Amino acid sequence: MKIAGQNLNKSGNISDLSKTERPNSSKGTPSSSVDESSARGLASSVAVSPSAVSAQKAKDIASQQTVDEARVARLQKLIDDGEYSVDAARVADKLVDEHLVMAD
């Protein structure tokens, strides 16, 4: 009975397949046990997508920033009093600028 890269030996204990026989993918027959020193010598690598890198950067930045309580209170008061106005042209310019920076 194979369980996710592990195997039950005769005593019923789970053992790692790297220490037992593995099927030979090219011939379909079991091969002798794997030489652990050669298995350790193999380099492994992981490819990380650009979106995953960006997500990690965003998490790092978000975890470092602190909240300016005074500014939040000031803006909340302006919003509550109906005095906060948005400069749509300025917001649009910033959005376009950010989009151009992200495209590079």
N, C-alpha and C. Protein backbone atom coordinates (compact mmCIF):
# COMPACT_ATOMS: atom_id res chain seq x y z
N MET A 1 0.85 -1.18 0.00
CA MET A 1 0.00 0.00 0.00
C MET A 1 0.88 1.23 0.00
N LYS A 2 0.79 2.03 -1.02
CA LYS A 2 1.60 3.25 -1.11
C LYS A 2 0.80 4.43 -0.61
N ILE A 3 1.43 5.27 0.19
CA ILE A 3 0.78 6.45 0.74
C ILE A 3 1.67 7.65 0.45
N ALA A 4 1.32 8.44 -0.55
CA ALA A 4 2.00 9.71 -0.89
C ALA A 4 3.51 9.65 -0.73
N GLY A 5 4.16 8.82 -1.50
CA GLY A 5 5.61 8.75 -1.46
C GLY A 5 6.14 7.90 -0.33
N GLN A 6 5.26 7.22 0.38
CA GLN A 6 5.69 6.35 1.46
C GLN A 6 5.13 4.97 1.22
N ASN A 7 5.57 4.02 1.97
CA ASN A 7 5.27 2.65 1.68
C ASN A 7 5.27 1.89 3.01
N LEU A 8 4.40 0.93 3.18
CA LEU A 8 4.39 0.13 4.40
C LEU A 8 5.37 -1.03 4.23
N ASN A 9 6.28 -1.19 5.19
CA ASN A 9 7.20 -2.31 5.11
C ASN A 9 6.57 -3.54 5.75
N LYS A 10 7.28 -4.66 5.81
CA LYS A 10 6.72 -5.92 6.31
C LYS A 10 6.22 -5.83 7.74
N SER A 11 6.84 -4.97 8.54
CA SER A 11 6.42 -4.85 9.94
C SER A 11 5.22 -3.94 10.11
N GLY A 12 4.74 -3.33 9.03
CA GLY A 12 3.58 -2.46 9.10
C GLY A 12 3.93 -1.01 9.34
N ASN A 13 5.23 -0.71 9.44
CA ASN A 13 5.66 0.67 9.63
C ASN A 13 5.78 1.37 8.29
N ILE A 14 5.59 2.68 8.31
CA ILE A 14 5.72 3.46 7.09
C ILE A 14 7.19 3.80 6.88
N SER A 15 7.68 3.57 5.68
CA SER A 15 9.06 3.92 5.36
C SER A 15 9.08 4.80 4.13
N ASP A 16 10.13 5.58 4.00
CA ASP A 16 10.29 6.47 2.85
C ASP A 16 10.68 5.64 1.64
N LEU A 17 10.11 5.95 0.48
CA LEU A 17 10.42 5.21 -0.74
C LEU A 17 11.86 5.37 -1.17
N SER A 18 12.53 6.45 -0.75
CA SER A 18 13.92 6.63 -1.14
C SER A 18 14.80 5.57 -0.50
N LYS A 19 14.32 4.92 0.55
CA LYS A 19 15.08 3.89 1.22
C LYS A 19 14.65 2.49 0.78
N THR A 20 13.60 2.39 -0.01
CA THR A 20 13.11 1.11 -0.49
C THR A 20 13.17 1.08 -2.00
N GLU A 21 12.64 0.03 -2.58
CA GLU A 21 12.66 -0.06 -4.03
C GLU A 21 11.63 0.87 -4.64
N ARG A 22 12.02 1.48 -5.74
CA ARG A 22 11.13 2.35 -6.49
C ARG A 22 10.94 1.76 -7.87
N PRO A 23 9.76 1.96 -8.45
CA PRO A 23 9.59 1.50 -9.82
C PRO A 23 10.43 2.35 -10.77
N ASN A 24 11.03 1.69 -11.75
CA ASN A 24 11.81 2.39 -12.77
C ASN A 24 10.83 2.89 -13.81
N SER A 25 10.72 4.20 -13.97
CA SER A 25 9.71 4.77 -14.85
C SER A 25 9.92 4.40 -16.30
N SER A 26 11.17 4.18 -16.72
CA SER A 26 11.41 3.90 -18.13
C SER A 26 11.12 2.44 -18.47
N LYS A 27 11.35 1.50 -17.55
CA LYS A 27 11.15 0.10 -17.87
C LYS A 27 9.93 -0.49 -17.18
N GLY A 28 9.42 0.17 -16.15
CA GLY A 28 8.26 -0.34 -15.44
C GLY A 28 8.59 -1.46 -14.49
N THR A 29 9.88 -1.73 -14.24
CA THR A 29 10.28 -2.77 -13.30
C THR A 29 10.96 -2.13 -12.12
N PRO A 30 10.87 -2.78 -10.95
CA PRO A 30 11.52 -2.19 -9.76
C PRO A 30 13.03 -2.13 -9.94
N SER A 31 13.61 -1.05 -9.44
CA SER A 31 15.06 -0.90 -9.48
C SER A 31 15.61 -1.14 -8.09
N SER A 32 16.90 -1.24 -7.98
CA SER A 32 17.50 -1.42 -6.66
C SER A 32 17.33 -0.15 -5.85
N SER A 33 17.64 -0.22 -4.56
CA SER A 33 17.41 0.94 -3.71
C SER A 33 18.24 2.13 -4.18
N VAL A 34 17.70 3.31 -3.92
CA VAL A 34 18.30 4.56 -4.38
C VAL A 34 19.50 4.89 -3.52
N ASP A 35 20.60 5.27 -4.15
CA ASP A 35 21.79 5.71 -3.44
C ASP A 35 21.50 7.09 -2.86
N GLU A 36 21.44 7.18 -1.54
CA GLU A 36 21.05 8.44 -0.90
C GLU A 36 22.03 9.56 -1.19
N SER A 37 23.31 9.26 -1.32
CA SER A 37 24.29 10.33 -1.59
C SER A 37 24.05 10.93 -2.97
N SER A 38 23.66 10.10 -3.95
CA SER A 38 23.40 10.65 -5.28
C SER A 38 22.08 11.42 -5.28
N ALA A 39 21.11 11.00 -4.49
CA ALA A 39 19.83 11.72 -4.41
C ALA A 39 20.03 13.09 -3.79
N ARG A 40 20.92 13.19 -2.82
CA ARG A 40 21.19 14.49 -2.19
C ARG A 40 21.93 15.41 -3.14
N GLY A 41 22.70 14.88 -4.05
CA GLY A 41 23.48 15.67 -4.98
C GLY A 41 22.64 16.33 -6.06
N LEU A 42 21.41 15.86 -6.25
CA LEU A 42 20.56 16.44 -7.27
C LEU A 42 20.05 17.80 -6.82
N ALA A 43 20.15 18.77 -7.69
CA ALA A 43 19.66 20.11 -7.36
C ALA A 43 18.18 20.18 -7.69
N SER A 44 17.44 20.82 -6.84
CA SER A 44 16.02 21.02 -7.13
C SER A 44 15.76 22.51 -7.17
N SER A 45 14.82 22.90 -8.01
CA SER A 45 14.50 24.32 -8.12
C SER A 45 13.00 24.49 -8.24
N VAL A 46 12.56 25.66 -7.90
CA VAL A 46 11.15 25.99 -7.96
C VAL A 46 11.01 27.28 -8.75
N ALA A 47 10.11 27.29 -9.71
CA ALA A 47 9.84 28.50 -10.47
C ALA A 47 8.66 29.23 -9.83
N VAL A 48 8.86 30.49 -9.52
CA VAL A 48 7.82 31.30 -8.89
C VAL A 48 7.29 32.28 -9.93
N SER A 49 5.99 32.33 -10.07
CA SER A 49 5.39 33.21 -11.08
C SER A 49 5.56 34.67 -10.70
N PRO A 50 5.56 35.55 -11.69
CA PRO A 50 5.67 36.99 -11.40
C PRO A 50 4.55 37.49 -10.50
N SER A 51 3.35 36.94 -10.66
CA SER A 51 2.25 37.39 -9.80
C SER A 51 2.47 36.95 -8.35
N ALA A 52 3.09 35.80 -8.15
CA ALA A 52 3.39 35.36 -6.78
C ALA A 52 4.45 36.25 -6.16
N VAL A 53 5.43 36.67 -6.96
CA VAL A 53 6.46 37.59 -6.46
C VAL A 53 5.82 38.92 -6.08
N SER A 54 4.93 39.43 -6.93
CA SER A 54 4.24 40.69 -6.65
C SER A 54 3.39 40.58 -5.40
N ALA A 55 2.70 39.46 -5.25
CA ALA A 55 1.86 39.26 -4.06
C ALA A 55 2.72 39.25 -2.80
N GLN A 56 3.88 38.61 -2.85
CA GLN A 56 4.76 38.58 -1.69
C GLN A 56 5.28 39.97 -1.37
N LYS A 57 5.64 40.74 -2.40
CA LYS A 57 6.10 42.11 -2.17
C LYS A 57 5.01 42.94 -1.52
N ALA A 58 3.77 42.78 -1.98
CA ALA A 58 2.64 43.52 -1.41
C ALA A 58 2.45 43.16 0.06
N LYS A 59 2.56 41.86 0.38
CA LYS A 59 2.43 41.42 1.78
C LYS A 59 3.53 42.02 2.63
N ASP A 60 4.76 42.04 2.09
CA ASP A 60 5.88 42.60 2.84
C ASP A 60 5.69 44.08 3.12
N ILE A 61 5.25 44.81 2.10
CA ILE A 61 5.02 46.25 2.26
C ILE A 61 3.90 46.51 3.25
N ALA A 62 2.81 45.76 3.12
CA ALA A 62 1.66 45.95 4.01
C ALA A 62 2.01 45.66 5.47
N SER A 63 2.88 44.69 5.68
CA SER A 63 3.24 44.34 7.06
C SER A 63 4.18 45.37 7.68
N GLN A 64 4.84 46.19 6.88
CA GLN A 64 5.80 47.17 7.39
C GLN A 64 5.17 48.53 7.68
N GLN A 65 4.08 48.85 7.01
CA GLN A 65 3.51 50.18 7.15
C GLN A 65 2.70 50.30 8.44
N THR A 66 2.76 51.50 9.01
CA THR A 66 1.96 51.79 10.19
C THR A 66 0.84 52.75 9.79
N VAL A 67 -0.17 52.82 10.62
CA VAL A 67 -1.32 53.68 10.34
C VAL A 67 -1.11 55.04 10.99
N ASP A 68 -1.31 56.10 10.22
CA ASP A 68 -1.22 57.45 10.74
C ASP A 68 -2.59 57.80 11.32
N GLU A 69 -2.75 57.55 12.61
CA GLU A 69 -4.05 57.72 13.28
C GLU A 69 -4.59 59.14 13.15
N ALA A 70 -3.71 60.14 13.23
CA ALA A 70 -4.15 61.54 13.14
C ALA A 70 -4.73 61.83 11.75
N ARG A 71 -4.07 61.33 10.72
CA ARG A 71 -4.57 61.56 9.36
C ARG A 71 -5.90 60.84 9.14
N VAL A 72 -6.02 59.62 9.63
CA VAL A 72 -7.26 58.86 9.50
C VAL A 72 -8.40 59.61 10.19
N ALA A 73 -8.15 60.12 11.39
CA ALA A 73 -9.18 60.85 12.13
C ALA A 73 -9.58 62.13 11.39
N ARG A 74 -8.59 62.84 10.83
CA ARG A 74 -8.89 64.06 10.07
C ARG A 74 -9.74 63.76 8.85
N LEU A 75 -9.34 62.73 8.08
CA LEU A 75 -10.11 62.37 6.89
C LEU A 75 -11.51 61.87 7.24
N GLN A 76 -11.62 61.09 8.33
CA GLN A 76 -12.92 60.60 8.75
C GLN A 76 -13.85 61.75 9.12
N LYS A 77 -13.30 62.78 9.80
CA LYS A 77 -14.12 63.95 10.16
C LYS A 77 -14.59 64.69 8.91
N LEU A 78 -13.67 64.86 7.91
CA LEU A 78 -14.06 65.52 6.67
C LEU A 78 -15.17 64.74 5.95
N ILE A 79 -15.04 63.43 5.91
CA ILE A 79 -16.06 62.59 5.25
C ILE A 79 -17.38 62.69 5.98
N ASP A 80 -17.33 62.56 7.31
CA ASP A 80 -18.56 62.63 8.12
C ASP A 80 -19.27 63.97 7.97
N ASP A 81 -18.49 65.05 7.86
CA ASP A 81 -19.07 66.39 7.73
C ASP A 81 -19.47 66.71 6.30
N GLY A 82 -19.18 65.80 5.35
CA GLY A 82 -19.52 66.02 3.95
C GLY A 82 -18.61 67.03 3.27
N GLU A 83 -17.45 67.27 3.82
CA GLU A 83 -16.53 68.27 3.29
C GLU A 83 -15.38 67.67 2.49
N TYR A 84 -15.30 66.35 2.42
CA TYR A 84 -14.21 65.71 1.69
C TYR A 84 -14.56 65.66 0.21
N SER A 85 -13.69 66.22 -0.62
CA SER A 85 -13.94 66.18 -2.06
C SER A 85 -12.79 65.44 -2.75
N VAL A 86 -13.13 64.76 -3.81
CA VAL A 86 -12.16 63.98 -4.55
C VAL A 86 -11.86 64.71 -5.85
N ASP A 87 -10.58 64.90 -6.13
CA ASP A 87 -10.14 65.50 -7.39
C ASP A 87 -10.03 64.36 -8.40
N ALA A 88 -11.07 64.17 -9.21
CA ALA A 88 -11.15 63.04 -10.14
C ALA A 88 -9.99 63.04 -11.13
N ALA A 89 -9.59 64.21 -11.62
CA ALA A 89 -8.49 64.28 -12.58
C ALA A 89 -7.18 63.80 -11.95
N ARG A 90 -6.96 64.17 -10.69
CA ARG A 90 -5.73 63.76 -9.99
C ARG A 90 -5.73 62.24 -9.76
N VAL A 91 -6.88 61.70 -9.38
CA VAL A 91 -7.00 60.25 -9.17
C VAL A 91 -6.75 59.51 -10.49
N ALA A 92 -7.34 60.00 -11.58
CA ALA A 92 -7.16 59.37 -12.89
C ALA A 92 -5.70 59.40 -13.31
N ASP A 93 -5.04 60.53 -13.10
CA ASP A 93 -3.62 60.64 -13.45
C ASP A 93 -2.78 59.63 -12.66
N LYS A 94 -3.05 59.49 -11.39
CA LYS A 94 -2.30 58.54 -10.55
C LYS A 94 -2.55 57.11 -11.02
N LEU A 95 -3.80 56.78 -11.36
CA LEU A 95 -4.11 55.44 -11.85
C LEU A 95 -3.36 55.12 -13.14
N VAL A 96 -3.34 56.08 -14.06
CA VAL A 96 -2.62 55.89 -15.32
C VAL A 96 -1.13 55.74 -15.05
N ASP A 97 -0.57 56.58 -14.19
CA ASP A 97 0.85 56.50 -13.86
C ASP A 97 1.21 55.13 -13.27
N GLU A 98 0.40 54.64 -12.34
CA GLU A 98 0.63 53.35 -11.73
C GLU A 98 0.54 52.22 -12.74
N HIS A 99 -0.43 52.34 -13.65
CA HIS A 99 -0.60 51.31 -14.68
C HIS A 99 0.62 51.27 -15.60
N LEU A 100 1.16 52.44 -15.95
CA LEU A 100 2.34 52.49 -16.80
C LEU A 100 3.57 51.92 -16.10
N VAL A 101 3.68 52.16 -14.80
CA VAL A 101 4.80 51.64 -14.03
C VAL A 101 4.72 50.11 -13.95
N MET A 102 3.51 49.58 -13.76
CA MET A 102 3.32 48.14 -13.66
C MET A 102 3.60 47.44 -14.99
N ALA A 103 3.37 48.12 -16.11
CA ALA A 103 3.58 47.52 -17.42
C ALA A 103 5.07 47.31 -17.71
N ASP A 104 5.94 48.06 -17.05
CA ASP A 104 7.39 47.93 -17.29
C ASP A 104 7.90 46.74 -16.65
